[in-house]
Amino acid sequence: MAYPKSYRYTKEHEWIEVKGDLATIGITDHAQHELGDVVFVELPKPGAKIEAGKSFGTVESVKAVSEIYAPASGEVIESNGELQNKPEMINNDPHGAAWLIKVRVTNAKGISDLMDAAAYEAYIAEKGKETSA
């Protein structure tokens, strides 16, 4: 899967797309592939504060429960309610309809330091070599 060039990526496999002071956050195709079939998602409610580098929710698959880490600090303005009834959307469209939360960014510091699509693709390719070695 091609990784959207307008997104920035974390080493924990989250993505963020920033437009002005609003950001959309999700997990990457690589993350959903590693997780396997997603069966439950726990997300913060609107009004919740998230902090860059800290966990803000979980994704549960048939294999494991994984923390989701915030790529930026801000206030949650919307959680993707569709994922409560259809968590498998994450497996089908992780970079689109299965976004997790929308945030009003309060501190954009560090977002520009996140990986762009090419750097993220190189990162997961390198990680793949390490695990197969």
C-alpha atoms as a PDB file:
ATOM      1  CA  MET A   1       0.000   0.000   0.000  1.00  0.00           C
ATOM      2  CA  ALA A   2       1.243   3.488  -0.788  1.00  0.00           C
ATOM      3  CA  TYR A   3       1.624   5.762   2.214  1.00  0.00           C
ATOM      4  CA  PRO A   4      -0.016   9.184   1.724  1.00  0.00           C
ATOM      5  CA  LYS A   5       2.638  11.822   1.155  1.00  0.00           C
ATOM      6  CA  SER A   6       0.697  14.514   3.045  1.00  0.00           C
ATOM      7  CA  TYR A   7       0.893  12.484   6.279  1.00  0.00           C
ATOM      8  CA  ARG A   8       3.701  12.333   8.845  1.00  0.00           C
ATOM      9  CA  TYR A   9       4.537   9.025  10.547  1.00  0.00           C
ATOM     10  CA  THR A  10       5.799   7.842  13.939  1.00  0.00           C
ATOM     11  CA  LYS A  11       8.086   4.927  14.803  1.00  0.00           C
ATOM     12  CA  GLU A  12       5.099   3.483  16.703  1.00  0.00           C
ATOM     13  CA  HIS A  13       3.182   3.337  13.375  1.00  0.00           C
ATOM     14  CA  GLU A  14       0.688   6.177  13.807  1.00  0.00           C
ATOM     15  CA  TRP A  15       0.042   8.758  11.116  1.00  0.00           C
ATOM     16  CA  ILE A  16      -1.014  12.384  11.400  1.00  0.00           C
ATOM     17  CA  GLU A  17      -2.342  14.767   8.787  1.00  0.00           C
ATOM     18  CA  VAL A  18      -2.292  18.416   9.821  1.00  0.00           C
ATOM     19  CA  LYS A  19      -4.399  21.131   8.185  1.00  0.00           C
ATOM     20  CA  GLY A  20      -4.015  24.432  10.007  1.00  0.00           C
ATOM     21  CA  ASP A  21      -4.522  23.717  13.713  1.00  0.00           C
ATOM     22  CA  LEU A  22      -6.612  20.600  13.051  1.00  0.00           C
ATOM     23  CA  ALA A  23      -5.092  17.138  12.766  1.00  0.00           C
ATOM     24  CA  THR A  24      -6.431  13.714  11.907  1.00  0.00           C
ATOM     25  CA  ILE A  25      -4.662  10.734  13.503  1.00  0.00           C
ATOM     26  CA  GLY A  26      -4.755   7.036  12.647  1.00  0.00           C
ATOM     27  CA  ILE A  27      -2.614   3.914  12.519  1.00  0.00           C
ATOM     28  CA  THR A  28      -0.684   2.863   9.447  1.00  0.00           C
ATOM     29  CA  ASP A  29      -1.319   0.039   7.038  1.00  0.00           C
ATOM     30  CA  HIS A  30       1.831  -1.607   8.395  1.00  0.00           C
ATOM     31  CA  ALA A  31       0.402  -1.468  11.934  1.00  0.00           C
ATOM     32  CA  GLN A  32      -2.940  -3.002  10.967  1.00  0.00           C
ATOM     33  CA  HIS A  33      -1.126  -5.718   9.015  1.00  0.00           C
ATOM     34  CA  GLU A  34       1.026  -6.570  12.043  1.00  0.00           C
ATOM     35  CA  LEU A  35      -2.009  -6.585  14.347  1.00  0.00           C
ATOM     36  CA  GLY A  36      -4.159  -8.865  12.220  1.00  0.00           C
ATOM     37  CA  ASP A  37      -7.950  -8.748  12.441  1.00  0.00           C
ATOM     38  CA  VAL A  38      -8.986  -5.764  14.574  1.00  0.00           C
ATOM     39  CA  VAL A  39     -11.901  -6.594  16.889  1.00  0.00           C
ATOM     40  CA  PHE A  40     -12.141  -3.564  19.218  1.00  0.00           C
ATOM     41  CA  VAL A  41     -10.962   0.050  19.408  1.00  0.00           C
ATOM     42  CA  GLU A  42     -10.897   2.241  22.518  1.00  0.00           C
ATOM     43  CA  LEU A  43     -10.682   5.968  21.776  1.00  0.00           C
ATOM     44  CA  PRO A  44     -10.878   9.145  23.872  1.00  0.00           C
ATOM     45  CA  LYS A  45     -14.052  11.213  23.920  1.00  0.00           C
ATOM     46  CA  PRO A  46     -14.256  14.751  22.514  1.00  0.00           C
ATOM     47  CA  GLY A  47     -12.791  17.234  24.978  1.00  0.00           C
ATOM     48  CA  ALA A  48     -10.076  14.838  26.143  1.00  0.00           C
ATOM     49  CA  LYS A  49      -6.521  16.170  26.108  1.00  0.00           C
ATOM     50  CA  ILE A  50      -3.802  14.120  24.462  1.00  0.00           C
ATOM     51  CA  GLU A  51      -0.069  14.577  24.839  1.00  0.00           C
ATOM     52  CA  ALA A  52       2.581  13.856  22.216  1.00  0.00           C
ATOM     53  CA  GLY A  53       4.293  10.540  22.871  1.00  0.00           C
ATOM     54  CA  LYS A  54       1.651   9.375  25.375  1.00  0.00           C
ATOM     55  CA  SER A  55      -0.966   6.677  24.867  1.00  0.00           C
ATOM     56  CA  PHE A  56      -4.481   7.879  24.047  1.00  0.00           C
ATOM     57  CA  GLY A  57      -6.243   4.603  23.281  1.00  0.00           C
ATOM     58  CA  THR A  58      -5.944   0.976  22.291  1.00  0.00           C
ATOM     59  CA  VAL A  59      -6.541  -1.246  19.300  1.00  0.00           C
ATOM     60  CA  GLU A  60      -7.381  -4.861  20.076  1.00  0.00           C
ATOM     61  CA  SER A  61      -6.891  -7.603  17.524  1.00  0.00           C
ATOM     62  CA  VAL A  62      -7.191 -11.361  17.625  1.00  0.00           C
ATOM     63  CA  LYS A  63      -3.428 -11.375  18.390  1.00  0.00           C
ATOM     64  CA  ALA A  64      -2.939  -8.621  20.987  1.00  0.00           C
ATOM     65  CA  VAL A  65      -3.961  -5.290  22.488  1.00  0.00           C
ATOM     66  CA  SER A  66      -1.774  -2.396  21.323  1.00  0.00           C
ATOM     67  CA  GLU A  67      -1.464   1.115  22.689  1.00  0.00           C
ATOM     68  CA  ILE A  68      -1.943   4.047  20.313  1.00  0.00           C
ATOM     69  CA  TYR A  69       0.436   6.962  20.882  1.00  0.00           C
ATOM     70  CA  ALA A  70      -0.265  10.597  20.101  1.00  0.00           C
ATOM     71  CA  PRO A  71       2.012  12.117  17.451  1.00  0.00           C
ATOM     72  CA  ALA A  72       1.048  15.614  18.703  1.00  0.00           C
ATOM     73  CA  SER A  73      -0.538  17.313  21.702  1.00  0.00           C
ATOM     74  CA  GLY A  74      -4.033  18.721  21.561  1.00  0.00           C
ATOM     75  CA  GLU A  75      -7.706  18.440  22.383  1.00  0.00           C
ATOM     76  CA  VAL A  76      -9.823  15.699  20.851  1.00  0.00           C
ATOM     77  CA  ILE A  77     -12.668  17.253  18.849  1.00  0.00           C
ATOM     78  CA  GLU A  78     -13.994  14.034  17.321  1.00  0.00           C
ATOM     79  CA  SER A  79     -13.534  10.279  17.649  1.00  0.00           C
ATOM     80  CA  ASN A  80     -14.433   7.989  14.772  1.00  0.00           C
ATOM     81  CA  GLY A  81     -17.655   6.502  16.156  1.00  0.00           C
ATOM     82  CA  GLU A  82     -18.021   4.111  13.215  1.00  0.00           C
ATOM     83  CA  LEU A  83     -15.083   2.105  14.577  1.00  0.00           C
ATOM     84  CA  GLN A  84     -17.105   1.132  17.671  1.00  0.00           C
ATOM     85  CA  ASN A  85     -19.446  -0.972  15.535  1.00  0.00           C
ATOM     86  CA  LYS A  86     -17.035  -1.730  12.691  1.00  0.00           C
ATOM     87  CA  PRO A  87     -13.467  -1.987  14.073  1.00  0.00           C
ATOM     88  CA  GLU A  88     -12.515  -4.105  11.051  1.00  0.00           C
ATOM     89  CA  MET A  89     -12.552  -0.863   9.012  1.00  0.00           C
ATOM     90  CA  ILE A  90      -8.989  -0.393  10.293  1.00  0.00           C
ATOM     91  CA  ASN A  91      -7.929  -3.481   8.341  1.00  0.00           C
ATOM     92  CA  ASN A  92      -9.673  -2.283   5.181  1.00  0.00           C
ATOM     93  CA  ASP A  93      -8.895   1.454   5.036  1.00  0.00           C
ATOM     94  CA  PRO A  94      -6.351   2.496   7.710  1.00  0.00           C
ATOM     95  CA  HIS A  95      -5.320   5.688   5.895  1.00  0.00           C
ATOM     96  CA  GLY A  96      -8.845   6.818   5.025  1.00  0.00           C
ATOM     97  CA  ALA A  97     -12.250   5.993   6.506  1.00  0.00           C
ATOM     98  CA  ALA A  98     -10.681   4.313   9.556  1.00  0.00           C
ATOM     99  CA  TRP A  99      -9.062   7.453  10.982  1.00  0.00           C
ATOM    100  CA  LEU A 100      -9.136   7.342  14.798  1.00  0.00           C
ATOM    101  CA  ILE A 101      -9.430  10.881  16.153  1.00  0.00           C
ATOM    102  CA  LYS A 102      -9.471  14.505  15.062  1.00  0.00           C
ATOM    103  CA  VAL A 103      -7.571  16.921  17.273  1.00  0.00           C
ATOM    104  CA  ARG A 104      -7.183  20.669  17.665  1.00  0.00           C
ATOM    105  CA  VAL A 105      -3.400  20.840  17.927  1.00  0.00           C
ATOM    106  CA  THR A 106      -2.175  22.859  20.897  1.00  0.00           C
ATOM    107  CA  ASN A 107       1.504  22.238  20.332  1.00  0.00           C
ATOM    108  CA  ALA A 108       2.734  21.511  16.821  1.00  0.00           C
ATOM    109  CA  LYS A 109       6.339  21.236  18.032  1.00  0.00           C
ATOM    110  CA  GLY A 110       7.818  17.983  16.819  1.00  0.00           C
ATOM    111  CA  ILE A 111       5.324  17.232  14.040  1.00  0.00           C
ATOM    112  CA  SER A 112       7.779  18.381  11.375  1.00  0.00           C
ATOM    113  CA  ASP A 113      10.361  16.019  12.916  1.00  0.00           C
ATOM    114  CA  LEU A 114       8.169  12.987  12.210  1.00  0.00           C
ATOM    115  CA  MET A 115       8.949  10.824   9.196  1.00  0.00           C
ATOM    116  CA  ASP A 116       7.569  11.631   5.779  1.00  0.00           C
ATOM    117  CA  ALA A 117       6.166   8.791   3.636  1.00  0.00           C
ATOM    118  CA  ALA A 118       9.526   7.882   2.038  1.00  0.00           C
ATOM    119  CA  ALA A 119      11.329   7.823   5.395  1.00  0.00           C
ATOM    120  CA  TYR A 120       8.553   5.724   6.956  1.00  0.00           C
ATOM    121  CA  GLU A 121       8.643   3.213   4.099  1.00  0.00           C
ATOM    122  CA  ALA A 122      12.441   2.936   4.518  1.00  0.00           C
ATOM    123  CA  TYR A 123      11.971   2.535   8.295  1.00  0.00           C
ATOM    124  CA  ILE A 124       9.512  -0.374   7.995  1.00  0.00           C
ATOM    125  CA  ALA A 125      11.654  -2.003   5.272  1.00  0.00           C
ATOM    126  CA  GLU A 126      14.663  -1.838   7.598  1.00  0.00           C
ATOM    127  CA  LYS A 127      12.614  -3.200  10.520  1.00  0.00           C
ATOM    128  CA  GLY A 128      11.468  -6.052   8.284  1.00  0.00           C
ATOM    129  CA  LYS A 129      15.081  -6.958   7.543  1.00  0.00           C
ATOM    130  CA  GLU A 130      15.898  -6.969  11.262  1.00  0.00           C
ATOM    131  CA  THR A 131      13.034  -9.345  12.130  1.00  0.00           C
ATOM    132  CA  SER A 132      13.795 -11.739   9.268  1.00  0.00           C
ATOM    133  CA  ALA A 133      17.543 -11.864  10.019  1.00  0.00           C
END
